[in-house]
Amino acid sequence: MICRGLNQKTARQLSYEGFLDLAKELGCVGVEARNDLGRPFFDGIAPRAAGDMARARGLRVLGLSEVYPFNDWSDARAAAVQGLIDTAEACGAETISLIPRVDGGGTEDGLRQRVLRDVMREILPMLQGRNVLALIEPIGFSTSSLKDKAELVEAIEAVGGPARFKLVHDTFQHAIAGGGPIFPDYTALVHISGISDPLPPLDGRLDAHRILVDERDRCDTSGQIKAFLDAGYGGAFSFECTDSTVQESSTLAEDIARSFEFIEARLALV
């Protein structure tokens, strides 16, 4: 069995408590909670109590999402990052998630690398003395200011941040970005999802239609997972699905379990 995780976006219709119960039922090691579902973190439950609820079920709080766009820096963005760090520490979350701008701005070669490093240098002191990693997720959209994992790894090294910054690898984003090296040693979390519709171009327009992984998956999610496992990655593989047909399914637990089992059976064959 792979190290299973569950992102709250996949089960956004459930209450926080229901989400935790689902993750426990699925045999997950932990969960990712979100602040962009139209309601507060943990449905307004105090962070410490929310963390205790997860741990009582044998679950880790793998991470809190998110600050967007973290690399469009301002006083408000700094306050949002600080607030996310504080909430993570209060609930015992291991990481926070930082998402780069994808509006077409700040993409120029030279500018985007400089801005990324400058912002990471602003964030680095906020992480000192805290038990929280900052995870940055490259996004494969054509309008993204950070698509290239190698560029992010170079920035992490340049700011002296390997102990504080890691990557989120997203199998969909990696596929639409054209693949490339996966940098398992710099990766702390892997988001998984599938695209099975054979007709549309495999690009950012499908971001809202990510589903559970099945035999028709166009992102080679199982292959990406195998590459991480072969490289010694020991972290979680967390379902982050965006399509309402998944999120609103009346058989969500069975659907997710079937997809995890499909992935694990596929891995056992190769």
Protein backbone atom coordinates (compact mmCIF):
# COMPACT_ATOMS: atom_id res chain seq x y z
CA MET A 1 0.00 0.00 0.00
CA ILE A 2 1.25 3.48 -0.82
CA CYS A 3 1.33 6.17 1.85
CA ARG A 4 -2.21 7.50 1.31
CA GLY A 5 -3.26 11.09 1.90
CA LEU A 6 -6.42 13.10 1.26
CA ASN A 7 -6.77 16.74 0.31
CA GLN A 8 -9.94 18.41 1.58
CA LYS A 9 -10.75 19.69 -1.91
CA THR A 10 -11.58 16.11 -2.94
CA ALA A 11 -14.26 15.90 -0.23
CA ARG A 12 -15.23 19.57 -0.06
CA GLN A 13 -18.92 18.75 0.52
CA LEU A 14 -18.14 17.04 3.84
CA SER A 15 -17.78 18.75 7.18
CA TYR A 16 -14.28 18.83 8.64
CA GLU A 17 -15.20 16.00 11.00
CA GLY A 18 -16.73 13.99 8.15
CA PHE A 19 -13.59 14.58 6.11
CA LEU A 20 -11.44 13.17 8.90
CA ASP A 21 -13.71 10.15 9.25
CA LEU A 22 -13.43 9.52 5.50
CA ALA A 23 -9.63 9.71 5.60
CA LYS A 24 -9.52 7.26 8.49
CA GLU A 25 -11.86 4.88 6.66
CA LEU A 26 -9.60 4.99 3.59
CA GLY A 27 -6.48 4.10 5.56
CA CYS A 28 -4.84 7.47 5.01
CA VAL A 29 -1.82 8.56 7.01
CA GLY A 30 -2.96 12.16 7.02
CA VAL A 31 -4.99 15.00 5.56
CA GLU A 32 -4.59 18.44 4.03
CA ALA A 33 -7.03 21.11 5.21
CA ARG A 34 -7.96 24.11 3.06
CA ASN A 35 -9.02 27.73 3.49
CA ASP A 36 -10.40 28.20 -0.05
CA LEU A 37 -13.59 26.16 0.13
CA GLY A 38 -15.87 29.07 0.94
CA ARG A 39 -15.64 28.53 4.70
CA PRO A 40 -12.97 28.88 7.43
CA PHE A 41 -10.30 26.33 8.18
CA PHE A 42 -11.74 23.34 10.07
CA ASP A 43 -15.28 24.79 9.75
CA GLY A 44 -14.37 27.33 12.42
CA ILE A 45 -13.11 24.79 14.96
CA ALA A 46 -10.14 26.14 16.91
CA PRO A 47 -6.87 24.98 15.31
CA ARG A 48 -5.59 23.13 18.36
CA ALA A 49 -8.86 21.24 18.74
CA ALA A 50 -8.94 20.53 14.98
CA GLY A 51 -5.47 19.01 15.16
CA ASP A 52 -6.46 16.93 18.16
CA MET A 53 -9.48 15.62 16.22
CA ALA A 54 -7.19 14.41 13.45
CA ARG A 55 -4.67 12.81 15.79
CA ALA A 56 -7.47 11.05 17.73
CA ARG A 57 -8.21 9.23 14.47
CA GLY A 58 -4.56 8.32 13.92
CA LEU A 59 -4.13 10.99 11.24
CA ARG A 60 -1.39 13.54 10.69
CA VAL A 61 -2.23 17.04 9.53
CA LEU A 62 0.02 16.90 6.48
CA GLY A 63 -0.54 20.50 5.49
CA LEU A 64 -2.62 23.63 5.29
CA SER A 65 -3.48 25.29 1.96
CA GLU A 66 -2.98 28.01 0.89
CA VAL A 67 -1.55 31.45 0.17
CA TYR A 68 -2.06 32.57 -3.43
CA PRO A 69 -0.28 34.24 -5.15
CA PHE A 70 2.61 34.09 -2.72
CA ASN A 71 5.13 35.57 -5.17
CA ASP A 72 3.11 38.74 -5.73
CA TRP A 73 4.52 40.12 -2.50
CA SER A 74 2.91 42.81 -0.37
CA ASP A 75 2.24 43.57 3.29
CA ALA A 76 -1.07 41.73 2.95
CA ARG A 77 0.67 38.68 1.47
CA ALA A 78 3.25 38.71 4.27
CA ALA A 79 0.43 38.79 6.83
CA ALA A 80 -1.31 35.89 5.08
CA VAL A 81 1.85 33.77 5.12
CA GLN A 82 2.48 34.58 8.78
CA GLY A 83 -1.11 33.73 9.64
CA LEU A 84 -0.90 30.41 7.82
CA ILE A 85 2.31 29.52 9.66
CA ASP A 86 0.70 30.39 13.00
CA THR A 87 -2.39 28.31 12.24
CA ALA A 88 -0.25 25.39 11.12
CA GLU A 89 1.79 25.44 14.29
CA ALA A 90 -1.34 25.73 16.44
CA CYS A 91 -2.97 22.65 14.89
CA GLY A 92 0.25 20.68 14.50
CA ALA A 93 0.29 20.78 10.70
CA GLU A 94 3.58 19.78 9.15
CA THR A 95 3.51 22.15 6.17
CA ILE A 96 1.90 25.17 4.55
CA SER A 97 1.24 25.49 0.83
CA LEU A 98 2.33 28.47 -1.29
CA ILE A 99 0.99 28.84 -4.84
CA PRO A 100 2.65 31.07 -7.48
CA ARG A 101 0.72 33.58 -9.57
CA VAL A 102 -0.84 32.17 -12.72
CA ASP A 103 -2.36 35.33 -14.18
CA GLY A 104 0.32 35.80 -16.83
CA GLY A 105 2.22 38.41 -14.83
CA GLY A 106 5.80 38.06 -13.64
CA THR A 107 6.68 35.38 -16.16
CA GLU A 108 9.58 37.13 -17.87
CA ASP A 109 12.88 35.27 -17.80
CA GLY A 110 15.17 36.83 -15.22
CA LEU A 111 12.36 38.69 -13.47
CA ARG A 112 10.49 35.61 -12.28
CA GLN A 113 13.64 34.01 -10.84
CA ARG A 114 14.66 37.18 -9.03
CA VAL A 115 11.18 37.77 -7.59
CA LEU A 116 10.90 34.16 -6.45
CA ARG A 117 14.19 34.34 -4.56
CA ASP A 118 13.41 37.75 -3.05
CA VAL A 119 10.06 36.52 -1.75
CA MET A 120 11.56 33.33 -0.38
CA ARG A 121 14.12 35.44 1.50
CA GLU A 122 11.21 37.38 3.03
CA ILE A 123 9.49 34.18 4.13
CA LEU A 124 12.56 32.37 5.44
CA PRO A 125 12.79 34.33 8.76
CA MET A 126 9.10 33.63 9.41
CA LEU A 127 9.90 29.92 9.42
CA GLN A 128 12.84 30.12 11.79
CA GLY A 129 12.12 28.38 15.09
CA ARG A 130 8.83 26.97 13.79
CA ASN A 131 8.04 23.31 13.20
CA VAL A 132 6.54 24.01 9.79
CA LEU A 133 7.87 23.53 6.25
CA ALA A 134 6.80 25.87 3.45
CA LEU A 135 5.84 23.90 0.35
CA ILE A 136 5.87 25.64 -3.03
CA GLU A 137 3.90 24.09 -5.86
CA PRO A 138 5.05 24.62 -9.46
CA ILE A 139 2.01 25.10 -11.71
CA GLY A 140 2.12 23.94 -15.31
CA PHE A 141 -0.22 26.53 -16.85
CA SER A 142 1.14 28.54 -19.77
CA THR A 143 0.41 31.68 -17.70
CA SER A 144 2.27 30.44 -14.61
CA SER A 145 5.14 32.37 -13.08
CA LEU A 146 6.67 29.10 -11.80
CA LYS A 147 6.46 25.98 -13.97
CA ASP A 148 9.98 24.58 -13.80
CA LYS A 149 10.91 22.44 -10.79
CA ALA A 150 14.61 22.88 -11.52
CA GLU A 151 14.13 26.64 -11.25
CA LEU A 152 12.53 26.21 -7.84
CA VAL A 153 15.24 23.84 -6.61
CA GLU A 154 17.87 26.38 -7.69
CA ALA A 155 16.02 29.08 -5.75
CA ILE A 156 15.80 26.91 -2.62
CA GLU A 157 19.55 26.39 -2.74
CA ALA A 158 20.27 30.03 -3.55
CA VAL A 159 18.42 31.36 -0.49
CA GLY A 160 19.87 28.71 1.83
CA GLY A 161 16.46 27.19 2.37
CA PRO A 162 16.62 23.37 1.95
CA ALA A 163 15.67 22.86 5.61
CA ARG A 164 12.64 25.19 5.35
CA PHE A 165 11.34 24.97 1.76
CA LYS A 166 10.24 21.89 -0.17
CA LEU A 167 8.19 21.15 -3.28
CA VAL A 168 4.70 19.89 -3.84
CA HIS A 169 4.69 17.65 -6.88
CA ASP A 170 1.32 17.54 -8.62
CA THR A 171 0.91 14.76 -11.18
CA PHE A 172 -1.51 16.80 -13.31
CA GLN A 173 0.62 19.95 -13.23
CA HIS A 174 3.74 17.93 -14.02
CA ALA A 175 2.04 16.35 -17.03
CA ILE A 176 0.83 19.62 -18.53
CA ALA A 177 4.23 21.22 -17.91
CA GLY A 178 5.80 18.56 -20.14
CA GLY A 179 7.31 16.33 -17.47
CA GLY A 180 10.99 16.46 -16.60
CA PRO A 181 12.97 15.68 -13.43
CA ILE A 182 10.93 15.09 -10.28
CA PHE A 183 13.50 16.01 -7.56
CA PRO A 184 12.30 13.51 -4.91
CA ASP A 185 14.83 14.72 -2.33
CA TYR A 186 13.25 18.18 -2.45
CA THR A 187 9.66 16.91 -2.43
CA ALA A 188 7.56 16.68 0.74
CA LEU A 189 4.13 15.93 -0.72
CA VAL A 190 2.71 14.54 -3.95
CA HIS A 191 -0.76 15.51 -5.18
CA ILE A 192 -2.42 12.94 -7.40
CA SER A 193 -5.42 13.12 -9.73
CA GLY A 194 -6.37 11.90 -13.18
CA ILE A 195 -7.61 13.15 -16.52
CA SER A 196 -9.50 10.46 -18.43
CA ASP A 197 -11.36 12.43 -21.10
CA PRO A 198 -9.46 11.59 -24.32
CA LEU A 199 -10.59 14.58 -26.37
CA PRO A 200 -9.49 17.95 -24.90
CA PRO A 201 -5.84 19.06 -25.11
CA LEU A 202 -3.96 18.16 -21.95
CA ASP A 203 -3.41 21.66 -20.63
CA GLY A 204 -4.45 24.08 -17.89
CA ARG A 205 -8.04 24.27 -19.13
CA LEU A 206 -8.60 20.85 -17.58
CA ASP A 207 -7.58 21.97 -14.07
CA ALA A 208 -11.20 22.04 -12.88
CA HIS A 209 -11.82 18.53 -14.21
CA ARG A 210 -9.29 16.44 -12.34
CA ILE A 211 -10.81 13.16 -11.23
CA LEU A 212 -9.76 9.94 -9.53
CA VAL A 213 -7.14 7.87 -11.30
CA ASP A 214 -8.35 5.01 -13.48
CA GLU A 215 -7.10 2.92 -16.40
CA ARG A 216 -7.72 5.79 -18.87
CA ASP A 217 -5.58 8.34 -17.02
CA ARG A 218 -3.65 10.57 -19.43
CA CYS A 219 -1.25 11.98 -16.82
CA ASP A 220 0.62 8.71 -16.18
CA THR A 221 -0.04 9.21 -12.50
CA SER A 222 0.90 5.63 -11.67
CA GLY A 223 4.16 6.03 -13.55
CA GLN A 224 4.97 9.23 -11.68
CA ILE A 225 4.22 7.55 -8.36
CA LYS A 226 6.49 4.63 -9.28
CA ALA A 227 9.30 7.05 -10.14
CA PHE A 228 9.01 8.60 -6.68
CA LEU A 229 8.92 5.25 -4.92
CA ASP A 230 11.88 3.96 -6.93
CA ALA A 231 13.81 7.08 -5.91
CA GLY A 232 13.16 6.43 -2.22
CA TYR A 233 10.42 8.97 -1.59
CA GLY A 234 8.58 8.07 1.61
CA GLY A 235 5.96 10.79 1.80
CA ALA A 236 2.24 10.80 1.13
CA PHE A 237 0.38 10.64 -2.16
CA SER A 238 -2.66 12.81 -1.60
CA PHE A 239 -5.77 12.87 -3.80
CA GLU A 240 -6.57 16.43 -4.89
CA CYS A 241 -9.56 16.18 -7.23
CA THR A 242 -11.45 19.19 -8.54
CA ASP A 243 -14.31 17.77 -10.60
CA SER A 244 -17.75 17.99 -8.98
CA THR A 245 -18.60 14.48 -10.14
CA VAL A 246 -16.01 13.24 -7.68
CA GLN A 247 -16.67 15.73 -4.89
CA GLU A 248 -20.45 15.24 -4.90
CA SER A 249 -20.53 11.47 -5.40
CA SER A 250 -22.86 9.58 -3.09
CA THR A 251 -20.27 6.77 -3.04
CA LEU A 252 -17.20 8.92 -2.45
CA ALA A 253 -15.49 6.56 0.01
CA GLU A 254 -15.89 3.60 -2.34
CA ASP A 255 -14.77 5.66 -5.34
CA ILE A 256 -11.57 6.84 -3.67
CA ALA A 257 -10.81 3.39 -2.24
CA ARG A 258 -11.23 1.85 -5.69
CA SER A 259 -8.83 4.36 -7.22
CA PHE A 260 -6.19 3.87 -4.52
CA GLU A 261 -6.50 0.11 -5.03
CA PHE A 262 -6.20 0.49 -8.81
CA ILE A 263 -2.98 2.50 -8.39
CA GLU A 264 -1.53 0.00 -5.93
CA ALA A 265 -2.41 -2.95 -8.18
CA ARG A 266 -0.83 -1.18 -11.16
CA LEU A 267 2.35 -0.54 -9.14
CA ALA A 268 2.51 -4.19 -8.12
CA LEU A 269 2.65 -5.21 -11.78
CA VAL A 270 5.67 -3.11 -12.76
